[in-house]
C-alpha atoms as a PDB file:
ATOM      1  CA  MET A   1     278.170  -3.523 185.465  1.00  0.00           C
ATOM      2  CA  LEU A   2     280.948  -4.884 187.365  1.00  0.00           C
ATOM      3  CA  ARG A   3     284.618  -5.479 186.309  1.00  0.00           C
ATOM      4  CA  GLY A   4     287.100  -6.661 188.777  1.00  0.00           C
ATOM      5  CA  GLY A   5     284.865  -5.955 191.573  1.00  0.00           C
ATOM      6  CA  ARG A   6     284.400  -2.432 190.593  1.00  0.00           C
ATOM      7  CA  LEU A   7     281.134  -0.867 189.332  1.00  0.00           C
ATOM      8  CA  GLN A   8     281.796   0.557 185.689  1.00  0.00           C
ATOM      9  CA  GLN A   9     278.767   2.115 184.736  1.00  0.00           C
ATOM     10  CA  VAL A  10     274.863   2.147 185.865  1.00  0.00           C
ATOM     11  CA  ALA A  11     272.107   3.089 183.215  1.00  0.00           C
ATOM     12  CA  ALA A  12     269.448   1.962 181.125  1.00  0.00           C
ATOM     13  CA  PRO A  13     270.569  -0.408 178.356  1.00  0.00           C
ATOM     14  CA  ARG A  14     270.167   2.058 175.601  1.00  0.00           C
ATOM     15  CA  ASP A  15     272.261   4.832 177.683  1.00  0.00           C
ATOM     16  CA  LEU A  16     275.120   1.998 178.137  1.00  0.00           C
ATOM     17  CA  TYR A  17     275.119   1.555 174.341  1.00  0.00           C
ATOM     18  CA  GLU A  18     274.932   5.238 173.231  1.00  0.00           C
ATOM     19  CA  ARG A  19     277.217   6.690 176.071  1.00  0.00           C
ATOM     20  CA  PRO A  20     279.538   4.064 177.537  1.00  0.00           C
ATOM     21  CA  ALA A  21     281.389   5.365 180.470  1.00  0.00           C
ATOM     22  CA  ASN A  22     284.637   3.577 179.120  1.00  0.00           C
ATOM     23  CA  ILE A  23     285.928   1.029 176.718  1.00  0.00           C
ATOM     24  CA  PHE A  24     284.955  -1.939 178.966  1.00  0.00           C
ATOM     25  CA  VAL A  25     281.366  -0.789 178.849  1.00  0.00           C
ATOM     26  CA  ALA A  26     281.431  -0.006 175.305  1.00  0.00           C
ATOM     27  CA  GLY A  27     282.952  -3.628 174.420  1.00  0.00           C
ATOM     28  CA  PHE A  28     280.577  -5.230 176.669  1.00  0.00           C
ATOM     29  CA  ILE A  29     277.387  -3.744 175.200  1.00  0.00           C
ATOM     30  CA  GLY A  30     276.436  -4.918 171.742  1.00  0.00           C
ATOM     31  CA  SER A  31     277.225  -7.927 169.688  1.00  0.00           C
ATOM     32  CA  PRO A  32     279.818  -7.963 168.240  1.00  0.00           C
ATOM     33  CA  GLY A  33     280.936  -5.404 170.607  1.00  0.00           C
ATOM     34  CA  MET A  34     282.359  -1.870 169.690  1.00  0.00           C
ATOM     35  CA  ASN A  35     285.818  -1.940 167.642  1.00  0.00           C
ATOM     36  CA  ILE A  36     288.280   0.221 169.438  1.00  0.00           C
ATOM     37  CA  VAL A  37     290.926   1.577 167.570  1.00  0.00           C
ATOM     38  CA  ARG A  38     294.067   3.966 168.192  1.00  0.00           C
ATOM     39  CA  SER A  39     293.969   7.100 166.245  1.00  0.00           C
ATOM     40  CA  PRO A  40     295.597  10.634 166.002  1.00  0.00           C
ATOM     41  CA  LEU A  41     293.356  13.513 166.083  1.00  0.00           C
ATOM     42  CA  GLU A  42     294.171  16.271 163.696  1.00  0.00           C
ATOM     43  CA  ALA A  43     292.918  19.849 162.499  1.00  0.00           C
ATOM     44  CA  GLY A  44     292.739  20.230 158.877  1.00  0.00           C
ATOM     45  CA  GLU A  45     291.041  22.054 156.069  1.00  0.00           C
ATOM     46  CA  GLU A  46     288.113  20.269 156.420  1.00  0.00           C
ATOM     47  CA  GLY A  47     288.034  20.377 160.337  1.00  0.00           C
ATOM     48  CA  LEU A  48     288.845  17.533 162.596  1.00  0.00           C
ATOM     49  CA  CYS A  49     290.116  14.318 161.414  1.00  0.00           C
ATOM     50  CA  ILE A  50     290.876  11.052 162.460  1.00  0.00           C
ATOM     51  CA  ARG A  51     293.719   8.526 160.727  1.00  0.00           C
ATOM     52  CA  LEU A  52     293.019   5.049 160.447  1.00  0.00           C
ATOM     53  CA  GLY A  53     296.063   3.376 158.813  1.00  0.00           C
ATOM     54  CA  GLU A  54     296.398   5.782 155.497  1.00  0.00           C
ATOM     55  CA  THR A  55     292.924   6.727 155.567  1.00  0.00           C
ATOM     56  CA  TRP A  56     292.043  10.024 156.786  1.00  0.00           C
ATOM     57  CA  LEU A  57     288.422  10.565 157.799  1.00  0.00           C
ATOM     58  CA  ALA A  58     286.945  14.039 158.290  1.00  0.00           C
ATOM     59  CA  LEU A  59     284.703  14.459 161.425  1.00  0.00           C
ATOM     60  CA  PRO A  60     281.087  16.061 160.963  1.00  0.00           C
ATOM     61  CA  THR A  61     280.685  19.402 162.806  1.00  0.00           C
ATOM     62  CA  GLN A  62     278.075  17.766 165.093  1.00  0.00           C
ATOM     63  CA  VAL A  63     280.830  15.483 166.663  1.00  0.00           C
ATOM     64  CA  ARG A  64     282.748  18.611 167.741  1.00  0.00           C
ATOM     65  CA  ALA A  65     279.678  19.793 169.465  1.00  0.00           C
ATOM     66  CA  SER A  66     278.973  16.515 171.110  1.00  0.00           C
ATOM     67  CA  TYR A  67     282.604  16.157 172.349  1.00  0.00           C
ATOM     68  CA  PRO A  68     283.775  19.517 173.187  1.00  0.00           C
ATOM     69  CA  SER A  69     286.937  18.008 174.860  1.00  0.00           C
ATOM     70  CA  LEU A  70     288.181  16.837 171.445  1.00  0.00           C
ATOM     71  CA  ASP A  71     289.982  20.086 170.918  1.00  0.00           C
ATOM     72  CA  HIS A  72     292.213  19.305 173.750  1.00  0.00           C
ATOM     73  CA  TRP A  73     293.376  16.149 171.816  1.00  0.00           C
ATOM     74  CA  ILE A  74     294.413  17.721 168.526  1.00  0.00           C
ATOM     75  CA  GLY A  75     297.786  16.588 167.675  1.00  0.00           C
ATOM     76  CA  ARG A  76     297.500  13.659 170.150  1.00  0.00           C
ATOM     77  CA  GLU A  77     296.231  10.112 169.905  1.00  0.00           C
ATOM     78  CA  LEU A  78     293.211   8.882 171.380  1.00  0.00           C
ATOM     79  CA  LEU A  79     290.804   5.845 171.256  1.00  0.00           C
ATOM     80  CA  VAL A  80     288.033   5.747 168.687  1.00  0.00           C
ATOM     81  CA  GLY A  81     285.079   3.310 169.179  1.00  0.00           C
ATOM     82  CA  ILE A  82     283.256   2.416 166.055  1.00  0.00           C
ATOM     83  CA  ARG A  83     280.070   0.340 166.330  1.00  0.00           C
ATOM     84  CA  PRO A  84     279.949  -2.558 164.032  1.00  0.00           C
ATOM     85  CA  GLU A  85     276.771  -1.253 162.424  1.00  0.00           C
ATOM     86  CA  ALA A  86     278.663   2.036 161.634  1.00  0.00           C
ATOM     87  CA  ILE A  87     280.295   0.356 158.890  1.00  0.00           C
ATOM     88  CA  THR A  88     278.967  -0.198 155.302  1.00  0.00           C
ATOM     89  CA  VAL A  89     280.473  -1.515 152.054  1.00  0.00           C
ATOM     90  CA  ALA A  90     282.107   1.437 149.903  1.00  0.00           C
ATOM     91  CA  ALA A  91     282.784   1.605 146.370  1.00  0.00           C
ATOM     92  CA  ASP A  92     286.027   0.295 145.193  1.00  0.00           C
ATOM     93  CA  THR A  93     287.260   3.732 144.333  1.00  0.00           C
ATOM     94  CA  ALA A  94     286.037   5.499 147.522  1.00  0.00           C
ATOM     95  CA  THR A  95     288.929   7.511 148.778  1.00  0.00           C
ATOM     96  CA  ASP A  96     287.334   8.097 152.322  1.00  0.00           C
ATOM     97  CA  ALA A  97     287.109   4.449 152.834  1.00  0.00           C
ATOM     98  CA  LEU A  98     289.103   2.023 154.710  1.00  0.00           C
ATOM     99  CA  PRO A  99     290.615  -0.848 153.002  1.00  0.00           C
ATOM    100  CA  GLY A 100     290.074  -4.099 154.719  1.00  0.00           C
ATOM    101  CA  GLN A 101     290.703  -7.821 154.148  1.00  0.00           C
ATOM    102  CA  VAL A 102     287.742 -10.393 155.077  1.00  0.00           C
ATOM    103  CA  ARG A 103     288.771 -12.759 157.822  1.00  0.00           C
ATOM    104  CA  ALA A 104     285.335 -14.175 158.021  1.00  0.00           C
ATOM    105  CA  ALA A 105     281.702 -13.394 157.046  1.00  0.00           C
ATOM    106  CA  GLU A 106     278.564 -14.921 158.274  1.00  0.00           C
ATOM    107  CA  SER A 107     275.244 -14.189 156.295  1.00  0.00           C
ATOM    108  CA  LEU A 108     272.142 -14.125 158.569  1.00  0.00           C
ATOM    109  CA  GLY A 109     269.863 -13.375 155.503  1.00  0.00           C
ATOM    110  CA  HIS A 110     268.917  -9.852 156.663  1.00  0.00           C
ATOM    111  CA  GLU A 111     272.481  -8.832 157.789  1.00  0.00           C
ATOM    112  CA  THR A 112     275.873 -10.124 157.293  1.00  0.00           C
ATOM    113  CA  VAL A 113     278.475 -10.234 160.263  1.00  0.00           C
ATOM    114  CA  LEU A 114     281.776  -9.404 158.843  1.00  0.00           C
ATOM    115  CA  PHE A 115     285.326  -9.825 160.659  1.00  0.00           C
ATOM    116  CA  PHE A 116     288.111  -8.115 158.814  1.00  0.00           C
ATOM    117  CA  THR A 117     291.608  -6.778 159.226  1.00  0.00           C
ATOM    118  CA  ALA A 118     292.560  -3.290 158.170  1.00  0.00           C
ATOM    119  CA  GLU A 119     295.718  -1.162 158.438  1.00  0.00           C
ATOM    120  CA  VAL A 120     294.971   0.391 161.976  1.00  0.00           C
ATOM    121  CA  SER A 121     297.968   1.541 164.109  1.00  0.00           C
ATOM    122  CA  SER A 122     296.752  -0.786 166.875  1.00  0.00           C
ATOM    123  CA  ALA A 123     293.471  -1.434 168.673  1.00  0.00           C
ATOM    124  CA  VAL A 124     292.424  -2.650 172.266  1.00  0.00           C
ATOM    125  CA  THR A 125     291.715  -6.539 172.147  1.00  0.00           C
ATOM    126  CA  ASP A 126     289.479  -8.792 174.049  1.00  0.00           C
ATOM    127  CA  ASN A 127     290.981  -8.175 177.344  1.00  0.00           C
ATOM    128  CA  LEU A 128     289.942  -4.490 176.781  1.00  0.00           C
ATOM    129  CA  ASP A 129     293.169  -3.079 178.256  1.00  0.00           C
ATOM    130  CA  PRO A 130     293.895   0.333 176.457  1.00  0.00           C
ATOM    131  CA  ASN A 131     297.680  -0.159 176.768  1.00  0.00           C
ATOM    132  CA  THR A 132     297.369  -3.494 174.515  1.00  0.00           C
ATOM    133  CA  THR A 133     299.222  -3.159 171.073  1.00  0.00           C
ATOM    134  CA  ASP A 134     298.820  -6.303 168.625  1.00  0.00           C
ATOM    135  CA  VAL A 135     301.816  -7.142 166.273  1.00  0.00           C
ATOM    136  CA  GLU A 136     299.276  -8.219 163.504  1.00  0.00           C
ATOM    137  CA  PRO A 137     296.231  -6.055 162.404  1.00  0.00           C
ATOM    138  CA  PRO A 138     293.515  -6.701 165.102  1.00  0.00           C
ATOM    139  CA  PRO A 139     289.908  -8.339 163.502  1.00  0.00           C
ATOM    140  CA  LEU A 140     287.388  -5.736 163.349  1.00  0.00           C
ATOM    141  CA  ALA A 141     283.923  -6.125 163.114  1.00  0.00           C
ATOM    142  CA  ALA A 142     281.033  -4.879 160.896  1.00  0.00           C
ATOM    143  CA  ILE A 143     277.406  -5.602 160.734  1.00  0.00           C
ATOM    144  CA  LEU A 144     276.243  -5.022 157.062  1.00  0.00           C
ATOM    145  CA  PRO A 145     272.519  -4.892 155.947  1.00  0.00           C
ATOM    146  CA  GLY A 146     271.369  -7.584 153.705  1.00  0.00           C
ATOM    147  CA  HIS A 147     273.310 -10.476 152.292  1.00  0.00           C
ATOM    148  CA  HIS A 148     276.967 -10.084 151.121  1.00  0.00           C
ATOM    149  CA  PRO A 149     278.721 -12.890 149.373  1.00  0.00           C
ATOM    150  CA  LEU A 150     282.091 -12.364 151.061  1.00  0.00           C
ATOM    151  CA  ARG A 151     284.944 -15.041 151.385  1.00  0.00           C
ATOM    152  CA  ALA A 152     288.033 -15.144 153.529  1.00  0.00           C
ATOM    153  CA  ASN A 153     290.635 -12.958 151.985  1.00  0.00           C
ATOM    154  CA  ASP A 154     288.342 -10.979 149.986  1.00  0.00           C
ATOM    155  CA  TRP A 155     289.544  -7.345 149.743  1.00  0.00           C
ATOM    156  CA  LEU A 156     286.950  -4.491 150.166  1.00  0.00           C
ATOM    157  CA  ARG A 157     286.502  -0.813 151.205  1.00  0.00           C
ATOM    158  CA  LEU A 158     284.713   0.051 154.124  1.00  0.00           C
ATOM    159  CA  ARG A 159     282.890   3.505 154.642  1.00  0.00           C
ATOM    160  CA  ILE A 160     282.719   4.442 158.524  1.00  0.00           C
ATOM    161  CA  ASP A 161     279.987   6.725 159.622  1.00  0.00           C
ATOM    162  CA  THR A 162     282.008   9.357 161.185  1.00  0.00           C
ATOM    163  CA  GLY A 163     278.867  10.934 162.865  1.00  0.00           C
ATOM    164  CA  SER A 164     278.426   8.017 165.108  1.00  0.00           C
ATOM    165  CA  LEU A 165     281.964   7.376 166.291  1.00  0.00           C
ATOM    166  CA  HIS A 166     282.751   7.425 170.244  1.00  0.00           C
ATOM    167  CA  PHE A 167     286.017   8.688 171.754  1.00  0.00           C
ATOM    168  CA  PHE A 168     287.709   7.849 174.781  1.00  0.00           C
ATOM    169  CA  THR A 169     291.031   9.040 176.562  1.00  0.00           C
ATOM    170  CA  PRO A 170     294.139   6.876 175.978  1.00  0.00           C
ATOM    171  CA  ASN A 171     293.304   5.264 179.385  1.00  0.00           C
ATOM    172  CA  GLY A 172     289.714   4.402 178.243  1.00  0.00           C
ATOM    173  CA  ALA A 173     287.607   6.774 179.970  1.00  0.00           C
ATOM    174  CA  ALA A 174     284.865   8.376 177.623  1.00  0.00           C
ATOM    175  CA  MET A 175     285.287  11.951 176.697  1.00  0.00           C
ATOM    176  CA  CYS A 176     282.595  14.541 176.976  1.00  0.00           C
END
């Protein structure tokens, strides 16, 4: 895969999808592409946590095993990759879910493609420049199983599968 005449990563499609070398590859593979958001990493009573807006999400212990370099980022901001299919609708009362506002939803019968905004501090936009900061909350994408009758401006709570997150340094390189 080339970007600006430079080779980014060579691997089988599944490997590119599961272990992208950087945010360019992460955003290129999959449709819609991976959501990339900025988040501080903190160590709390429940272990490692990331913060999306006002929502704190605890990371399962296997994440720390998969990304041993995360310990070096405690107390610092990093880029977090969230695949659209790792997001599901949560109960309105869920405290570990991200509040979001629907921008657009397309029902495909077996799944619904959702574009929404959420109070995230910032995100990498389509130009995939990790130094980009948006003034308005950037749109995020989710692929929800089944039909969901959602309309623009609806509010909902979204659960993120924290076991399937991807982590990148602030310059966009994948963490190991």
